[in-house]
Amino acid sequence: MRADVFSGRRAIVTGASRGIGAAIAARLAQAGAIAVLIGRDAKALREQNDRIPYSQSAICDVTDAAQVEQIFSELLGEAPVDILVNNAGAAESAPFLKTSDAVLERMLSVNLRSAFRCSRAVLPGMLARGYGRIVNVSSIAGLRGYPYVTAYVAAKHALVGFTRALAMEVVQKGITVNAVCPGYTDTDLVRGAASAISAKTGRSEQEVVQEMIRSNPQGRLIRLEEIAETVAWLCGPETDSITGQAIPIAGGEIM
């Protein structure tokens, strides 16, 4: 991908203070985009701004409808948004019978409703210009079932459904809408989860990670760069005809 492929394009990435979101923002900026990083952690956002060229940031809890409306109104007042990456997400695990309504609400709020609201904010401008790229970061759990994460799986499946429906609504408007569905990825979040499970069960962190990746035929965690590169490709000019897709990045776990 050329270093200037996104020159003049403005890209918003939610959940961008670390991990997958930060990697995506960095890749888009590397290819010339002005990257706007959205997250809740002001310190972490500043650190990413120092690391990523041509980047800006905005503090926003994307589960808060009023904050989304305010922040996106301010951002859209400054300049058009050409690319939106809805990356903000979270996972909570529990047996189904111990999964409360509150857990379900949290999973839907951060994994589905945030993408719905952010997409609704940027879409009018994209329609007016006849151009736009929306990429939703779902999960392999958006394509198949897993035990003990029913609320998370339900929310990620819903995000894939939202992706496909919106893609068809704007398919003739110069806008593409796609999802990427990573498997277990080498992030601080996953490493932290492995550490917590290790502390509770007495198993080593390596044993916990091996259990996580057992269903990945390649037998490894997904690299951040692999996800970022796929998102950048979906946002590029060579993918005008790719829309409504949910692309697994999971070492062959889903075919």
Foldseek 3Di string as FASTA:
>chain_A
DAQQQQAVAEEEFEPCLFDLNVLLQQLVVSSHYQYEYEEADPVSVVVSPVVHPNYHYDYADLLDLVRLVVVLVVVVVVDAHAEYELEFADFDFAAPVPQDPVNLVVRLSGQPVSLVSNCVSRVVVCLVVLGHEYEYEAAVLLVDPDGRGVSNSVNSVVNLVVQLVVQVVCVPRHYAGEYEHEAAAPTPVLLVVLVVVCVVPVDDSVVSVQVSLVLQPVSDHHYSNVSSVVSVVSSGPVNSPDHSYYHYPGNPSDD
